[in-house]
Amino acid sequence: MAKVTFATDLCKGCALCVGACPKGIIAISKTKINKQGHCPAEITDQEKCIGCAFCATMCPDCVITVEK
């Protein structure tokens, strides 16, 4: 199973990863705000991740790590 982690303090909430995820399991947080004042992206269902790393490829700030 793949594991996705986000460096949430560096995420600016651009949502490029949200659109890139073929499983639709990434969303912009509605409850968290990081140190920069942005709502960061987060994974909603780790179990459904297929490890494609499309999200990490799309992230302009390289805040996403995908481990297979």
N, C-alpha and C. Protein backbone atom coordinates (compact mmCIF):
# COMPACT_ATOMS: atom_id res chain seq x y z
N MET A 1 0.83 -1.18 0.00
CA MET A 1 0.00 0.00 0.00
C MET A 1 0.88 1.25 0.00
N ALA A 2 0.48 2.22 -0.76
CA ALA A 2 1.22 3.47 -0.85
C ALA A 2 0.88 4.38 0.32
N LYS A 3 1.83 5.25 0.69
CA LYS A 3 1.61 6.21 1.76
C LYS A 3 1.94 7.60 1.23
N VAL A 4 0.99 8.51 1.39
CA VAL A 4 1.18 9.89 0.95
C VAL A 4 1.27 10.78 2.16
N THR A 5 2.28 11.65 2.19
CA THR A 5 2.41 12.62 3.27
C THR A 5 2.56 14.01 2.67
N PHE A 6 2.06 14.99 3.39
CA PHE A 6 2.12 16.39 2.97
C PHE A 6 2.90 17.19 4.00
N ALA A 7 3.78 18.06 3.54
CA ALA A 7 4.44 19.02 4.42
C ALA A 7 3.46 20.19 4.55
N THR A 8 2.49 20.02 5.42
CA THR A 8 1.36 20.95 5.48
C THR A 8 1.75 22.39 5.79
N ASP A 9 2.84 22.60 6.50
CA ASP A 9 3.26 23.97 6.80
C ASP A 9 3.76 24.70 5.56
N LEU A 10 4.13 23.97 4.51
CA LEU A 10 4.63 24.59 3.29
C LEU A 10 3.58 24.66 2.19
N CYS A 11 2.46 23.96 2.36
CA CYS A 11 1.42 23.90 1.33
C CYS A 11 0.68 25.24 1.26
N LYS A 12 0.50 25.74 0.04
CA LYS A 12 -0.22 27.01 -0.13
C LYS A 12 -1.66 26.80 -0.59
N GLY A 13 -2.10 25.55 -0.64
CA GLY A 13 -3.49 25.25 -0.95
C GLY A 13 -3.90 25.56 -2.38
N CYS A 14 -3.01 25.37 -3.32
CA CYS A 14 -3.30 25.71 -4.72
C CYS A 14 -4.27 24.72 -5.37
N ALA A 15 -4.40 23.53 -4.81
CA ALA A 15 -5.32 22.48 -5.26
C ALA A 15 -4.95 21.81 -6.58
N LEU A 16 -3.75 21.98 -7.06
CA LEU A 16 -3.32 21.28 -8.27
C LEU A 16 -3.29 19.77 -8.03
N CYS A 17 -2.93 19.37 -6.84
CA CYS A 17 -2.89 17.95 -6.51
C CYS A 17 -4.29 17.35 -6.45
N VAL A 18 -5.25 18.15 -6.03
CA VAL A 18 -6.64 17.68 -5.94
C VAL A 18 -7.14 17.24 -7.32
N GLY A 19 -6.89 18.07 -8.31
CA GLY A 19 -7.31 17.75 -9.67
C GLY A 19 -6.52 16.63 -10.32
N ALA A 20 -5.29 16.43 -9.86
CA ALA A 20 -4.43 15.41 -10.45
C ALA A 20 -4.70 14.00 -9.94
N CYS A 21 -5.33 13.88 -8.79
CA CYS A 21 -5.54 12.55 -8.18
C CYS A 21 -6.63 11.78 -8.92
N PRO A 22 -6.28 10.64 -9.53
CA PRO A 22 -7.29 9.86 -10.26
C PRO A 22 -8.32 9.18 -9.34
N LYS A 23 -7.99 9.02 -8.08
CA LYS A 23 -8.91 8.39 -7.12
C LYS A 23 -9.76 9.41 -6.38
N GLY A 24 -9.45 10.69 -6.51
CA GLY A 24 -10.22 11.73 -5.86
C GLY A 24 -10.15 11.71 -4.34
N ILE A 25 -8.97 11.37 -3.82
CA ILE A 25 -8.83 11.23 -2.37
C ILE A 25 -8.00 12.34 -1.73
N ILE A 26 -7.78 13.42 -2.46
CA ILE A 26 -7.08 14.58 -1.91
C ILE A 26 -8.05 15.75 -1.92
N ALA A 27 -8.06 16.49 -0.82
CA ALA A 27 -8.94 17.65 -0.71
C ALA A 27 -8.24 18.76 0.05
N ILE A 28 -8.70 19.97 -0.14
CA ILE A 28 -8.20 21.09 0.63
C ILE A 28 -8.93 21.06 1.98
N SER A 29 -8.17 21.17 3.04
CA SER A 29 -8.74 21.09 4.37
C SER A 29 -9.73 22.22 4.62
N LYS A 30 -10.83 21.88 5.25
CA LYS A 30 -11.82 22.88 5.64
C LYS A 30 -11.68 23.26 7.11
N THR A 31 -10.80 22.54 7.83
CA THR A 31 -10.67 22.76 9.27
C THR A 31 -9.28 23.19 9.72
N LYS A 32 -8.27 23.03 8.88
CA LYS A 32 -6.90 23.35 9.28
C LYS A 32 -6.38 24.57 8.54
N ILE A 33 -5.55 25.33 9.21
CA ILE A 33 -4.85 26.46 8.60
C ILE A 33 -3.39 26.33 9.01
N ASN A 34 -2.49 26.42 8.02
CA ASN A 34 -1.07 26.25 8.34
C ASN A 34 -0.44 27.57 8.80
N LYS A 35 0.85 27.55 9.07
CA LYS A 35 1.56 28.72 9.58
C LYS A 35 1.58 29.89 8.60
N GLN A 36 1.38 29.59 7.32
CA GLN A 36 1.36 30.65 6.30
C GLN A 36 -0.04 31.25 6.14
N GLY A 37 -1.01 30.66 6.82
CA GLY A 37 -2.38 31.16 6.73
C GLY A 37 -3.19 30.53 5.62
N HIS A 38 -2.70 29.43 5.05
CA HIS A 38 -3.39 28.73 3.97
C HIS A 38 -4.06 27.46 4.50
N CYS A 39 -5.12 27.04 3.83
CA CYS A 39 -5.74 25.75 4.11
C CYS A 39 -4.99 24.72 3.27
N PRO A 40 -4.25 23.82 3.90
CA PRO A 40 -3.43 22.86 3.15
C PRO A 40 -4.23 21.70 2.57
N ALA A 41 -3.64 21.04 1.60
CA ALA A 41 -4.23 19.82 1.04
C ALA A 41 -3.99 18.68 2.01
N GLU A 42 -4.88 17.70 1.97
CA GLU A 42 -4.74 16.52 2.81
C GLU A 42 -5.35 15.31 2.11
N ILE A 43 -4.90 14.15 2.51
CA ILE A 43 -5.45 12.92 1.95
C ILE A 43 -6.68 12.54 2.76
N THR A 44 -7.74 12.15 2.07
CA THR A 44 -8.98 11.83 2.77
C THR A 44 -9.16 10.34 3.02
N ASP A 45 -8.51 9.50 2.21
CA ASP A 45 -8.63 8.05 2.39
C ASP A 45 -7.34 7.36 1.94
N GLN A 46 -6.41 7.23 2.86
CA GLN A 46 -5.09 6.65 2.57
C GLN A 46 -5.19 5.26 1.96
N GLU A 47 -6.17 4.49 2.36
CA GLU A 47 -6.33 3.11 1.88
C GLU A 47 -6.58 3.03 0.37
N LYS A 48 -7.17 4.05 -0.21
CA LYS A 48 -7.49 4.04 -1.64
C LYS A 48 -6.36 4.53 -2.52
N CYS A 49 -5.27 5.01 -1.93
CA CYS A 49 -4.14 5.53 -2.71
C CYS A 49 -3.47 4.40 -3.49
N ILE A 50 -3.24 4.63 -4.78
CA ILE A 50 -2.60 3.63 -5.63
C ILE A 50 -1.12 3.92 -5.86
N GLY A 51 -0.61 5.01 -5.29
CA GLY A 51 0.81 5.32 -5.38
C GLY A 51 1.27 5.84 -6.73
N CYS A 52 0.38 6.42 -7.51
CA CYS A 52 0.73 6.90 -8.85
C CYS A 52 1.65 8.13 -8.83
N ALA A 53 1.62 8.89 -7.74
CA ALA A 53 2.43 10.09 -7.54
C ALA A 53 2.09 11.24 -8.49
N PHE A 54 0.91 11.22 -9.10
CA PHE A 54 0.48 12.34 -9.93
C PHE A 54 0.40 13.60 -9.08
N CYS A 55 -0.06 13.46 -7.84
CA CYS A 55 -0.18 14.61 -6.95
C CYS A 55 1.18 15.25 -6.69
N ALA A 56 2.18 14.43 -6.41
CA ALA A 56 3.52 14.95 -6.13
C ALA A 56 4.13 15.59 -7.37
N THR A 57 3.84 15.05 -8.53
CA THR A 57 4.36 15.60 -9.78
C THR A 57 3.76 16.98 -10.06
N MET A 58 2.50 17.17 -9.73
CA MET A 58 1.81 18.43 -9.99
C MET A 58 2.15 19.52 -8.98
N CYS A 59 2.60 19.15 -7.80
CA CYS A 59 2.83 20.13 -6.73
C CYS A 59 4.00 21.05 -7.07
N PRO A 60 3.73 22.37 -7.22
CA PRO A 60 4.81 23.30 -7.55
C PRO A 60 5.78 23.55 -6.40
N ASP A 61 5.37 23.21 -5.19
CA ASP A 61 6.22 23.47 -4.03
C ASP A 61 6.85 22.22 -3.45
N CYS A 62 6.63 21.07 -4.08
CA CYS A 62 7.23 19.80 -3.67
C CYS A 62 6.95 19.46 -2.20
N VAL A 63 5.71 19.61 -1.79
CA VAL A 63 5.35 19.33 -0.39
C VAL A 63 4.77 17.93 -0.21
N ILE A 64 4.64 17.16 -1.30
CA ILE A 64 4.01 15.83 -1.24
C ILE A 64 5.06 14.75 -1.44
N THR A 65 5.02 13.76 -0.55
CA THR A 65 5.90 12.60 -0.65
C THR A 65 5.04 11.36 -0.80
N VAL A 66 5.37 10.53 -1.77
CA VAL A 66 4.64 9.28 -1.99
C VAL A 66 5.62 8.13 -1.80
N GLU A 67 5.29 7.25 -0.87
CA GLU A 67 6.11 6.07 -0.60
C GLU A 67 5.33 4.84 -1.01
N LYS A 68 5.98 3.96 -1.76
CA LYS A 68 5.32 2.74 -2.22
C LYS A 68 5.73 1.56 -1.38
